[in-house]
C-alpha atoms as a PDB file:
ATOM      1  CA  MET A   1     126.652 100.747  86.152  1.00  0.00           C
ATOM      2  CA  SER A   2     125.608 104.482  86.844  1.00  0.00           C
ATOM      3  CA  ALA A   3     126.901 106.195  90.135  1.00  0.00           C
ATOM      4  CA  ILE A   4     123.360 105.924  91.383  1.00  0.00           C
ATOM      5  CA  GLU A   5     123.550 102.196  91.355  1.00  0.00           C
ATOM      6  CA  ARG A   6     127.175 102.083  92.346  1.00  0.00           C
ATOM      7  CA  VAL A   7     126.037 104.051  95.691  1.00  0.00           C
ATOM      8  CA  ASN A   8     122.788 101.957  96.279  1.00  0.00           C
ATOM      9  CA  ASP A   9     124.810  98.526  96.283  1.00  0.00           C
ATOM     10  CA  LEU A  10     127.132 100.027  98.547  1.00  0.00           C
ATOM     11  CA  VAL A  11     124.473 101.355 101.006  1.00  0.00           C
ATOM     12  CA  ARG A  12     123.228  97.762 100.940  1.00  0.00           C
ATOM     13  CA  LEU A  13     126.305  96.461 102.153  1.00  0.00           C
ATOM     14  CA  ILE A  14     126.915  98.597 104.349  1.00  0.00           C
ATOM     15  CA  THR A  15     124.195  98.116 106.263  1.00  0.00           C
ATOM     16  CA  SER A  16     123.615  95.073 106.071  1.00  0.00           C
ATOM     17  CA  SER A  17     127.703  94.105 107.341  1.00  0.00           C
ATOM     18  CA  CYS A  18     128.093  97.140 109.515  1.00  0.00           C
ATOM     19  CA  LYS A  19     124.250  97.495 111.603  1.00  0.00           C
ATOM     20  CA  LEU A  20     123.533 101.484 110.486  1.00  0.00           C
ATOM     21  CA  SER A  21     120.139 103.008 108.954  1.00  0.00           C
ATOM     22  CA  THR A  22     120.565 103.644 105.445  1.00  0.00           C
ATOM     23  CA  SER A  23     120.879 107.413 106.435  1.00  0.00           C
ATOM     24  CA  GLU A  24     123.680 106.461 108.227  1.00  0.00           C
ATOM     25  CA  ALA A  25     125.362 104.477 105.622  1.00  0.00           C
ATOM     26  CA  LEU A  26     124.238 107.281 102.416  1.00  0.00           C
ATOM     27  CA  PRO A  27     128.011 109.821 103.542  1.00  0.00           C
ATOM     28  CA  ILE A  28     129.956 106.226 103.888  1.00  0.00           C
ATOM     29  CA  ALA A  29     129.058 104.868 100.796  1.00  0.00           C
ATOM     30  CA  ALA A  30     129.520 108.404  99.411  1.00  0.00           C
ATOM     31  CA  SER A  31     132.926 108.789 100.506  1.00  0.00           C
ATOM     32  CA  LEU A  32     133.975 105.114  99.374  1.00  0.00           C
ATOM     33  CA  VAL A  33     132.860 106.424  95.706  1.00  0.00           C
ATOM     34  CA  ARG A  34     134.584 109.579  96.134  1.00  0.00           C
ATOM     35  CA  ASN A  35     137.532 107.706  96.482  1.00  0.00           C
ATOM     36  CA  GLY A  36     137.429 104.502  93.868  1.00  0.00           C
ATOM     37  CA  LEU A  37     136.014 102.078  96.369  1.00  0.00           C
ATOM     38  CA  ASP A  38     132.882 101.372  94.161  1.00  0.00           C
ATOM     39  CA  GLN A  39     132.868  97.585  94.373  1.00  0.00           C
ATOM     40  CA  LYS A  40     133.231  95.187  96.863  1.00  0.00           C
ATOM     41  CA  GLU A  41     136.498  94.193  95.377  1.00  0.00           C
ATOM     42  CA  LYS A  42     138.019  97.403  95.587  1.00  0.00           C
ATOM     43  CA  ILE A  43     137.495  97.813  99.371  1.00  0.00           C
ATOM     44  CA  ALA A  44     138.503  94.069  99.923  1.00  0.00           C
ATOM     45  CA  GLU A  45     142.190  95.235  98.844  1.00  0.00           C
ATOM     46  CA  LYS A  46     142.727  98.234 101.243  1.00  0.00           C
ATOM     47  CA  THR A  47     143.304  97.583 104.655  1.00  0.00           C
ATOM     48  CA  VAL A  48     141.222  98.462 107.423  1.00  0.00           C
ATOM     49  CA  GLU A  49     143.148 100.931 108.697  1.00  0.00           C
ATOM     50  CA  GLU A  50     143.403 102.582 105.405  1.00  0.00           C
ATOM     51  CA  LEU A  51     139.375 102.742 105.184  1.00  0.00           C
ATOM     52  CA  GLN A  52     139.328 103.956 108.706  1.00  0.00           C
ATOM     53  CA  VAL A  53     141.042 107.410 107.159  1.00  0.00           C
ATOM     54  CA  ILE A  54     138.755 107.273 104.438  1.00  0.00           C
ATOM     55  CA  CYS A  55     135.305 106.911 106.914  1.00  0.00           C
ATOM     56  CA  PRO A  56     137.039 108.678 110.388  1.00  0.00           C
ATOM     57  CA  THR A  57     133.299 108.850 111.806  1.00  0.00           C
ATOM     58  CA  VAL A  58     132.616 104.936 111.022  1.00  0.00           C
ATOM     59  CA  LEU A  59     133.401 102.947 114.676  1.00  0.00           C
ATOM     60  CA  PRO A  60     136.663 100.984 113.883  1.00  0.00           C
ATOM     61  CA  ILE A  61     134.927  97.571 114.718  1.00  0.00           C
ATOM     62  CA  ARG A  62     132.337  98.707 112.189  1.00  0.00           C
ATOM     63  CA  VAL A  63     135.368  99.263 109.526  1.00  0.00           C
ATOM     64  CA  THR A  64     136.651  95.736 110.341  1.00  0.00           C
ATOM     65  CA  ALA A  65     132.728  94.144 109.949  1.00  0.00           C
ATOM     66  CA  LEU A  66     132.549  96.042 105.904  1.00  0.00           C
ATOM     67  CA  HIS A  67     136.361  94.951 105.400  1.00  0.00           C
ATOM     68  CA  LYS A  68     135.602  91.593 105.868  1.00  0.00           C
ATOM     69  CA  ALA A  69     132.252  91.685 104.416  1.00  0.00           C
ATOM     70  CA  CYS A  70     133.778  92.463 100.911  1.00  0.00           C
ATOM     71  CA  LYS A  71     136.820  89.727 101.670  1.00  0.00           C
ATOM     72  CA  ARG A  72     133.919  87.148 101.953  1.00  0.00           C
ATOM     73  CA  LYS A  73     133.244  84.633  99.090  1.00  0.00           C
ATOM     74  CA  ARG A  74     129.905  84.350  97.622  1.00  0.00           C
ATOM     75  CA  SER A  75     130.210  80.658  97.612  1.00  0.00           C
ATOM     76  CA  THR A  76     130.978  80.316 101.026  1.00  0.00           C
ATOM     77  CA  VAL A  77     128.103  82.339 102.462  1.00  0.00           C
ATOM     78  CA  ALA A  78     125.947  80.182 100.204  1.00  0.00           C
ATOM     79  CA  SER A  79     127.385  77.087 101.920  1.00  0.00           C
ATOM     80  CA  ARG A  80     127.407  78.545 105.238  1.00  0.00           C
ATOM     81  CA  GLY A  81     123.881  79.615 105.289  1.00  0.00           C
ATOM     82  CA  SER A  82     122.652  76.332 103.827  1.00  0.00           C
ATOM     83  CA  ARG A  83     123.809  74.124 106.846  1.00  0.00           C
ATOM     84  CA  SER A  84     123.117  76.609 108.801  1.00  0.00           C
ATOM     85  CA  GLY A  85     119.435  76.220 108.077  1.00  0.00           C
ATOM     86  CA  ASP A  86     119.647  72.518 107.838  1.00  0.00           C
ATOM     87  CA  SER A  87     121.117  72.227 111.501  1.00  0.00           C
ATOM     88  CA  ARG A  88     118.573  74.700 112.716  1.00  0.00           C
ATOM     89  CA  ALA A  89     115.534  72.345 112.762  1.00  0.00           C
ATOM     90  CA  SER A  90     113.418  71.924 116.017  1.00  0.00           C
ATOM     91  CA  LYS A  91     110.011  72.086 116.996  1.00  0.00           C
ATOM     92  CA  ARG A  92     107.810  75.149 116.515  1.00  0.00           C
ATOM     93  CA  GLY A  93     106.083  77.207 119.329  1.00  0.00           C
ATOM     94  CA  ILE A  94     104.053  79.898 119.372  1.00  0.00           C
ATOM     95  CA  GLY A  95     105.581  82.703 117.059  1.00  0.00           C
ATOM     96  CA  GLN A  96     108.152  80.825 116.066  1.00  0.00           C
ATOM     97  CA  ALA A  97     108.948  79.481 112.131  1.00  0.00           C
ATOM     98  CA  LEU A  98     111.505  77.327 110.476  1.00  0.00           C
ATOM     99  CA  PHE A  99     113.806  78.649 107.478  1.00  0.00           C
ATOM    100  CA  LYS A 100     113.310  75.814 105.073  1.00  0.00           C
ATOM    101  CA  ASP A 101     113.304  76.783 101.988  1.00  0.00           C
ATOM    102  CA  PRO A 102     117.297  77.457 101.311  1.00  0.00           C
ATOM    103  CA  GLU A 103     116.424  80.580  99.785  1.00  0.00           C
ATOM    104  CA  ASP A 104     114.818  82.333 102.723  1.00  0.00           C
ATOM    105  CA  VAL A 105     117.975  81.113 104.567  1.00  0.00           C
ATOM    106  CA  ARG A 106     120.336  83.113 102.088  1.00  0.00           C
ATOM    107  CA  THR A 107     118.392  86.119 102.257  1.00  0.00           C
ATOM    108  CA  ASP A 108     120.497  89.246 103.672  1.00  0.00           C
ATOM    109  CA  ASP A 109     120.100  92.529 104.111  1.00  0.00           C
ATOM    110  CA  SER A 110     122.092  93.505 101.186  1.00  0.00           C
ATOM    111  CA  SER A 111     119.402  92.128  98.656  1.00  0.00           C
ATOM    112  CA  THR A 112     116.405  94.185  99.971  1.00  0.00           C
ATOM    113  CA  CYS A 113     118.004  97.491 100.251  1.00  0.00           C
ATOM    114  CA  LEU A 114     115.301  99.747  98.995  1.00  0.00           C
ATOM    115  CA  PRO A 115     117.465 101.939  96.396  1.00  0.00           C
ATOM    116  CA  ILE A 116     117.143 105.850  97.844  1.00  0.00           C
ATOM    117  CA  ALA A 117     118.422 108.730  95.234  1.00  0.00           C
ATOM    118  CA  PRO A 118     121.363 110.612  96.383  1.00  0.00           C
ATOM    119  CA  ASP A 119     121.029 113.589  98.962  1.00  0.00           C
ATOM    120  CA  ASN A 120     120.233 116.805  97.131  1.00  0.00           C
ATOM    121  CA  SER A 121     119.087 118.848 100.545  1.00  0.00           C
ATOM    122  CA  LYS A 122     122.096 121.642  99.553  1.00  0.00           C
ATOM    123  CA  GLU A 123     119.365 122.384  96.876  1.00  0.00           C
ATOM    124  CA  THR A 124     116.958 125.661  96.903  1.00  0.00           C
ATOM    125  CA  ASP A 125     113.434 124.318  97.787  1.00  0.00           C
ATOM    126  CA  SER A 126     112.394 124.655  94.356  1.00  0.00           C
ATOM    127  CA  GLY A 127     114.858 122.961  92.736  1.00  0.00           C
ATOM    128  CA  LEU A 128     114.425 119.949  94.547  1.00  0.00           C
ATOM    129  CA  GLU A 129     111.022 120.093  94.119  1.00  0.00           C
ATOM    130  CA  ALA A 130     111.470 120.600  91.069  1.00  0.00           C
ATOM    131  CA  SER A 131     114.009 117.339  90.593  1.00  0.00           C
ATOM    132  CA  MET A 132     110.867 114.756  92.251  1.00  0.00           C
ATOM    133  CA  PRO A 133     108.224 113.071  90.269  1.00  0.00           C
ATOM    134  CA  VAL A 134     104.663 113.042  90.297  1.00  0.00           C
ATOM    135  CA  ILE A 135     103.854 109.898  90.294  1.00  0.00           C
ATOM    136  CA  THR A 136     100.162 107.396  89.930  1.00  0.00           C
ATOM    137  CA  ILE A 137     100.151 104.759  92.434  1.00  0.00           C
ATOM    138  CA  ASN A 138      97.339 102.989  94.927  1.00  0.00           C
ATOM    139  CA  ARG A 139      98.243 103.782  98.423  1.00  0.00           C
ATOM    140  CA  ALA A 140      99.031 100.083  99.710  1.00  0.00           C
ATOM    141  CA  PRO A 141     102.810 100.640  98.184  1.00  0.00           C
ATOM    142  CA  VAL A 142     103.043 104.360  99.593  1.00  0.00           C
ATOM    143  CA  MET A 143     102.085 103.095 102.705  1.00  0.00           C
ATOM    144  CA  ILE A 144     104.367 100.543 102.792  1.00  0.00           C
ATOM    145  CA  LEU A 145     107.554 103.038 101.961  1.00  0.00           C
ATOM    146  CA  PHE A 146     106.815 105.196 105.080  1.00  0.00           C
ATOM    147  CA  ALA A 147     106.440 102.313 106.915  1.00  0.00           C
ATOM    148  CA  TYR A 148     109.547 100.879 105.637  1.00  0.00           C
ATOM    149  CA  VAL A 149     111.140 104.897 106.293  1.00  0.00           C
ATOM    150  CA  VAL A 150     110.008 104.821 109.976  1.00  0.00           C
ATOM    151  CA  CYS A 151     110.931 101.049 110.883  1.00  0.00           C
ATOM    152  CA  ALA A 152     115.084 101.629 109.533  1.00  0.00           C
ATOM    153  CA  HIS A 153     114.829 104.712 112.286  1.00  0.00           C
ATOM    154  CA  VAL A 154     113.293 103.173 114.755  1.00  0.00           C
ATOM    155  CA  TYR A 155     114.891  99.337 114.571  1.00  0.00           C
ATOM    156  CA  PRO A 156     118.046  99.741 112.425  1.00  0.00           C
ATOM    157  CA  GLU A 157     119.630  97.045 114.423  1.00  0.00           C
ATOM    158  CA  TYR A 158     117.004  94.553 112.711  1.00  0.00           C
ATOM    159  CA  GLY A 159     118.106  95.191 108.789  1.00  0.00           C
ATOM    160  CA  SER A 160     116.696  96.025 105.760  1.00  0.00           C
ATOM    161  CA  SER A 161     114.786  92.594 105.367  1.00  0.00           C
ATOM    162  CA  SER A 162     112.991  93.247 108.007  1.00  0.00           C
ATOM    163  CA  HIS A 163     111.870  96.385 107.832  1.00  0.00           C
ATOM    164  CA  LEU A 164     110.308  95.892 104.617  1.00  0.00           C
ATOM    165  CA  SER A 165     108.210  92.619 105.961  1.00  0.00           C
ATOM    166  CA  LEU A 166     107.619  95.075 108.962  1.00  0.00           C
ATOM    167  CA  ALA A 167     106.223  97.472 106.651  1.00  0.00           C
ATOM    168  CA  SER A 168     104.345  95.535 104.266  1.00  0.00           C
ATOM    169  CA  GLY A 169     102.368  93.429 107.813  1.00  0.00           C
ATOM    170  CA  ALA A 170     101.449  97.492 108.402  1.00  0.00           C
ATOM    171  CA  ALA A 171     100.080  98.159 105.429  1.00  0.00           C
ATOM    172  CA  SER A 172      98.292  94.871 105.126  1.00  0.00           C
ATOM    173  CA  ALA A 173      96.635  95.102 108.648  1.00  0.00           C
ATOM    174  CA  ALA A 174      95.176  98.401 107.538  1.00  0.00           C
ATOM    175  CA  SER A 175      94.032  97.116 104.802  1.00  0.00           C
ATOM    176  CA  GLN A 176      92.085  94.723 106.722  1.00  0.00           C
ATOM    177  CA  ARG A 177      89.754  97.156 108.751  1.00  0.00           C
ATOM    178  CA  LYS A 178      89.659  99.505 105.849  1.00  0.00           C
ATOM    179  CA  GLY A 179      87.636  96.421 103.879  1.00  0.00           C
ATOM    180  CA  ALA A 180      85.508  95.787 106.863  1.00  0.00           C
ATOM    181  CA  SER A 181      84.604  99.184 107.058  1.00  0.00           C
ATOM    182  CA  LEU A 182      83.550  99.018 103.592  1.00  0.00           C
ATOM    183  CA  GLY A 183      82.131  95.553 103.977  1.00  0.00           C
ATOM    184  CA  ILE A 184      84.316  93.748 102.022  1.00  0.00           C
ATOM    185  CA  PRO A 185      83.905  89.982 102.822  1.00  0.00           C
ATOM    186  CA  GLY A 186      86.878  88.219 105.272  1.00  0.00           C
ATOM    187  CA  MET A 187      88.089  91.698 106.100  1.00  0.00           C
ATOM    188  CA  THR A 188      88.907  91.629 110.155  1.00  0.00           C
ATOM    189  CA  SER A 189      87.130  94.770 111.362  1.00  0.00           C
ATOM    190  CA  THR A 190      88.866  96.017 114.194  1.00  0.00           C
ATOM    191  CA  PRO A 191      91.932  95.836 116.261  1.00  0.00           C
ATOM    192  CA  GLU A 192      90.629  93.727 118.951  1.00  0.00           C
ATOM    193  CA  GLU A 193      89.959  91.083 116.807  1.00  0.00           C
ATOM    194  CA  THR A 194      93.234  91.235 115.311  1.00  0.00           C
ATOM    195  CA  SER A 195      95.003  90.883 118.655  1.00  0.00           C
ATOM    196  CA  LYS A 196      92.929  87.984 119.818  1.00  0.00           C
ATOM    197  CA  GLN A 197      92.998  86.071 116.180  1.00  0.00           C
ATOM    198  CA  TRP A 198      97.286  86.022 116.893  1.00  0.00           C
ATOM    199  CA  GLU A 199      97.474  86.218 120.753  1.00  0.00           C
ATOM    200  CA  GLY A 200     100.749  84.611 122.020  1.00  0.00           C
ATOM    201  CA  PHE A 201     102.470  85.938 118.933  1.00  0.00           C
ATOM    202  CA  ARG A 202     105.166  88.551 119.825  1.00  0.00           C
ATOM    203  CA  THR A 203     104.302  92.171 117.879  1.00  0.00           C
ATOM    204  CA  ARG A 204     106.321  94.942 116.975  1.00  0.00           C
ATOM    205  CA  ARG A 205     104.684  98.666 116.274  1.00  0.00           C
ATOM    206  CA  VAL A 206     105.101  99.957 112.942  1.00  0.00           C
ATOM    207  CA  LEU A 207     103.388 102.890 111.434  1.00  0.00           C
ATOM    208  CA  GLY A 208     100.812 105.156 113.773  1.00  0.00           C
ATOM    209  CA  SER A 209      99.401 102.568 116.349  1.00  0.00           C
ATOM    210  CA  ILE A 210      99.831  99.270 113.603  1.00  0.00           C
ATOM    211  CA  GLU A 211     101.099  96.451 115.345  1.00  0.00           C
ATOM    212  CA  VAL A 212     102.198  93.034 113.602  1.00  0.00           C
ATOM    213  CA  PRO A 213     102.584  89.234 114.713  1.00  0.00           C
ATOM    214  CA  VAL A 214     106.432  88.764 113.851  1.00  0.00           C
ATOM    215  CA  ILE A 215     108.017  85.533 113.920  1.00  0.00           C
ATOM    216  CA  LYS A 216     112.143  85.857 115.034  1.00  0.00           C
ATOM    217  CA  ARG A 217     113.977  84.860 111.721  1.00  0.00           C
ATOM    218  CA  GLY A 218     115.305  81.412 112.632  1.00  0.00           C
ATOM    219  CA  ASP A 219     118.849  81.717 110.923  1.00  0.00           C
ATOM    220  CA  LYS A 220     119.329  85.373 111.799  1.00  0.00           C
ATOM    221  CA  GLU A 221     119.773  87.489 114.826  1.00  0.00           C
ATOM    222  CA  ASP A 222     118.874  91.023 113.766  1.00  0.00           C
ATOM    223  CA  GLY A 223     115.522  90.861 113.848  1.00  0.00           C
ATOM    224  CA  TYR A 224     112.006  89.873 112.902  1.00  0.00           C
ATOM    225  CA  TRP A 225     109.850  88.872 109.413  1.00  0.00           C
ATOM    226  CA  ALA A 226     106.006  89.730 109.934  1.00  0.00           C
ATOM    227  CA  VAL A 227     103.520  86.893 109.701  1.00  0.00           C
ATOM    228  CA  ASP A 228     101.216  86.863 106.481  1.00  0.00           C
ATOM    229  CA  THR A 229      97.984  87.009 108.111  1.00  0.00           C
ATOM    230  CA  LYS A 230      96.277  86.474 104.608  1.00  0.00           C
ATOM    231  CA  ARG A 231      98.076  83.407 104.231  1.00  0.00           C
ATOM    232  CA  SER A 232      98.078  81.725 108.063  1.00  0.00           C
ATOM    233  CA  GLU A 233      99.213  78.645 108.325  1.00  0.00           C
ATOM    234  CA  ASN A 234     100.726  76.285 105.387  1.00  0.00           C
ATOM    235  CA  GLU A 235      99.625  72.596 104.901  1.00  0.00           C
ATOM    236  CA  ASP A 236     102.691  71.646 107.754  1.00  0.00           C
ATOM    237  CA  GLY A 237     100.880  73.791 110.963  1.00  0.00           C
ATOM    238  CA  GLN A 238     103.879  76.183 110.204  1.00  0.00           C
ATOM    239  CA  PHE A 239     103.039  79.870 110.261  1.00  0.00           C
ATOM    240  CA  LYS A 240     104.304  81.394 106.746  1.00  0.00           C
ATOM    241  CA  TRP A 241     106.442  85.175 106.706  1.00  0.00           C
ATOM    242  CA  ILE A 242     105.826  88.186 104.394  1.00  0.00           C
ATOM    243  CA  HIS A 243     109.184  87.227 102.533  1.00  0.00           C
ATOM    244  CA  PRO A 244     111.012  90.852 102.346  1.00  0.00           C
ATOM    245  CA  LEU A 245     112.392  90.274  98.645  1.00  0.00           C
ATOM    246  CA  SER A 246     108.459  89.799  97.482  1.00  0.00           C
ATOM    247  CA  VAL A 247     107.928  93.323  98.900  1.00  0.00           C
ATOM    248  CA  ARG A 248     111.335  94.961  97.481  1.00  0.00           C
ATOM    249  CA  ASN A 249     110.216  93.718  94.217  1.00  0.00           C
ATOM    250  CA  TYR A 250     106.531  94.599  94.418  1.00  0.00           C
ATOM    251  CA  LEU A 251     107.716  98.401  95.350  1.00  0.00           C
ATOM    252  CA  VAL A 252     109.970  98.389  92.024  1.00  0.00           C
ATOM    253  CA  ARG A 253     106.702  97.508  89.823  1.00  0.00           C
ATOM    254  CA  ALA A 254     104.485  99.870  91.605  1.00  0.00           C
ATOM    255  CA  PHE A 255     106.872 103.171  91.539  1.00  0.00           C
ATOM    256  CA  GLY A 256     107.646 101.955  88.086  1.00  0.00           C
ATOM    257  CA  GLY A 257     111.419 101.406  88.484  1.00  0.00           C
ATOM    258  CA  GLU A 258     114.030 101.905  90.733  1.00  0.00           C
ATOM    259  CA  LEU A 259     115.150 105.124  89.843  1.00  0.00           C
ATOM    260  CA  ILE A 260     111.492 106.576  90.886  1.00  0.00           C
ATOM    261  CA  LEU A 261     111.152 104.441  93.848  1.00  0.00           C
ATOM    262  CA  GLY A 262     114.604 106.225  94.548  1.00  0.00           C
ATOM    263  CA  GLN A 263     113.627 109.093  94.204  1.00  0.00           C
ATOM    264  CA  VAL A 264     110.203 108.973  96.060  1.00  0.00           C
ATOM    265  CA  HIS A 265     112.408 107.129  98.987  1.00  0.00           C
ATOM    266  CA  ARG A 266     114.924 110.209  99.222  1.00  0.00           C
ATOM    267  CA  ALA A 267     111.770 112.265  99.717  1.00  0.00           C
ATOM    268  CA  VAL A 268     110.627 110.650 102.800  1.00  0.00           C
ATOM    269  CA  GLU A 269     113.813 109.974 103.924  1.00  0.00           C
ATOM    270  CA  GLN A 270     114.706 113.579 103.811  1.00  0.00           C
ATOM    271  CA  VAL A 271     111.407 114.377 106.185  1.00  0.00           C
ATOM    272  CA  ALA A 272     112.173 111.531 108.689  1.00  0.00           C
ATOM    273  CA  MET A 273     115.550 112.982 109.246  1.00  0.00           C
ATOM    274  CA  SER A 274     114.429 116.305 109.656  1.00  0.00           C
ATOM    275  CA  TRP A 275     112.091 115.179 113.054  1.00  0.00           C
ATOM    276  CA  GLU A 276     114.670 112.353 114.311  1.00  0.00           C
ATOM    277  CA  ASP A 277     115.218 112.593 118.056  1.00  0.00           C
ATOM    278  CA  LYS A 278     117.118 110.231 119.278  1.00  0.00           C
ATOM    279  CA  ASP A 279     115.261 110.714 122.630  1.00  0.00           C
ATOM    280  CA  ASN A 280     112.091 109.476 121.538  1.00  0.00           C
ATOM    281  CA  LEU A 281     112.430 107.878 118.160  1.00  0.00           C
ATOM    282  CA  GLU A 282     108.918 106.327 118.843  1.00  0.00           C
ATOM    283  CA  GLU A 283     107.655 109.557 118.400  1.00  0.00           C
ATOM    284  CA  LEU A 284     107.949 108.501 114.481  1.00  0.00           C
ATOM    285  CA  PHE A 285     105.541 106.121 114.355  1.00  0.00           C
ATOM    286  CA  THR A 286     102.786 108.500 115.288  1.00  0.00           C
ATOM    287  CA  ARG A 287     104.534 111.428 112.848  1.00  0.00           C
ATOM    288  CA  GLY A 288     104.891 108.690 110.033  1.00  0.00           C
ATOM    289  CA  TRP A 289     101.521 107.796 110.180  1.00  0.00           C
ATOM    290  CA  SER A 290     100.445 111.541 109.984  1.00  0.00           C
ATOM    291  CA  TRP A 291     102.693 112.464 106.742  1.00  0.00           C
ATOM    292  CA  TYR A 292     101.372 109.180 105.616  1.00  0.00           C
ATOM    293  CA  VAL A 293      97.724 110.651 105.284  1.00  0.00           C
ATOM    294  CA  GLY A 294      98.707 113.535 104.827  1.00  0.00           C
ATOM    295  CA  CYS A 295      99.933 113.087 101.334  1.00  0.00           C
ATOM    296  CA  ARG A 296      99.015 109.594 100.208  1.00  0.00           C
ATOM    297  CA  PRO A 297      96.976 109.745  97.112  1.00  0.00           C
ATOM    298  CA  GLU A 298      93.377 111.109  97.369  1.00  0.00           C
ATOM    299  CA  VAL A 299      90.712 108.335  95.867  1.00  0.00           C
ATOM    300  CA  SER A 300      86.798 107.108  96.731  1.00  0.00           C
ATOM    301  CA  SER A 301      86.432 106.768 100.101  1.00  0.00           C
ATOM    302  CA  SER A 302      83.567 104.334  99.298  1.00  0.00           C
ATOM    303  CA  ARG A 303      84.062 100.808  98.194  1.00  0.00           C
ATOM    304  CA  GLU A 304      84.602 101.929  94.597  1.00  0.00           C
ATOM    305  CA  GLY A 305      87.955 103.409  95.906  1.00  0.00           C
ATOM    306  CA  TRP A 306      89.582 100.078  97.308  1.00  0.00           C
ATOM    307  CA  GLY A 307      92.252  99.545  94.941  1.00  0.00           C
ATOM    308  CA  GLN A 308      91.967 102.793  92.927  1.00  0.00           C
ATOM    309  CA  LYS A 309      95.213 104.928  91.810  1.00  0.00           C
ATOM    310  CA  GLY A 310      95.717 108.684  92.718  1.00  0.00           C
ATOM    311  CA  THR A 311      98.420 111.356  92.593  1.00  0.00           C
ATOM    312  CA  LEU A 312     101.237 111.003  94.931  1.00  0.00           C
ATOM    313  CA  SER A 313     103.677 114.256  95.244  1.00  0.00           C
ATOM    314  CA  CYS A 314     107.276 114.451  96.654  1.00  0.00           C
ATOM    315  CA  SER A 315     106.677 118.158  96.520  1.00  0.00           C
ATOM    316  CA  LYS A 316     104.006 117.493  99.255  1.00  0.00           C
ATOM    317  CA  ILE A 317     105.748 115.183 101.136  1.00  0.00           C
ATOM    318  CA  LEU A 318     108.841 117.411 101.498  1.00  0.00           C
ATOM    319  CA  GLN A 319     106.225 119.952 103.022  1.00  0.00           C
ATOM    320  CA  PHE A 320     105.855 117.510 106.522  1.00  0.00           C
ATOM    321  CA  ARG A 321     110.209 118.397 107.142  1.00  0.00           C
ATOM    322  CA  ARG A 322     111.085 120.117 110.049  1.00  0.00           C
ATOM    323  CA  SER A 323     110.788 123.752 109.738  1.00  0.00           C
ATOM    324  CA  THR A 324     114.564 124.910 110.686  1.00  0.00           C
ATOM    325  CA  GLU A 325     113.369 128.633 111.363  1.00  0.00           C
END
């Protein structure tokens, strides 16, 4: 396993156990790797006090949570999750759904974090941009990635599984509007129609002005999954949700692998970090949309452009970083 893969595995673990954003988890993961703690088993062998020395900027309660997560056996987690799913069966109200599928119950944030390349911000702009790819891709996965990064900064407490599901929900909503404007049958044409269709559901703002209907994660306490508006209700009358693992797999395929996805993710993350304002995080919704529009692949604006691929340049993404001058 490469150093990048080891860091990414640790980032997934840290974000889920310590409830930190990806940008906050990265330096912690890097510090652990530098000290030879590149696996859960090695971290578990250390005491909480020793880990606190290695990660001095992390709150003690989060260091303790990380230590417990590393010591926890997988079999125990799986059996507990399965029992939890069976015991929480209750009648669904509006905006709620039961997690009957054991795979849904067992899904956690450590398995859904997106890969991200190491931070090369100390490089010169020319060196940094030269090391990042130019790829051919359609717009939907690009929008999902931008929405994922924005959600990670605005809703860090939700965890990556929620960020992925919400981001995919936003891309689906945008697709519905675009499809309707092109005259494609079955597409919802206005935000008002969408709002009426999902009246009674909780919603969360994700990117630009896009809000998506959400379902509280019945087996979790850290966020929401987006309702799958394309699939509506299943045969039991329960609303389906957008599963984050499916979204993650889709992104890996669309970007041509975890390495390239990690590089593009790093570019978008650097832009978001340069604009992050702890006093007004919601500005990132608007800014995130403008970043996406400014660098999304160029395709025909007519019906022929539906699903068409274009060029995405990481150097163009990086141009949206806030100037430090």
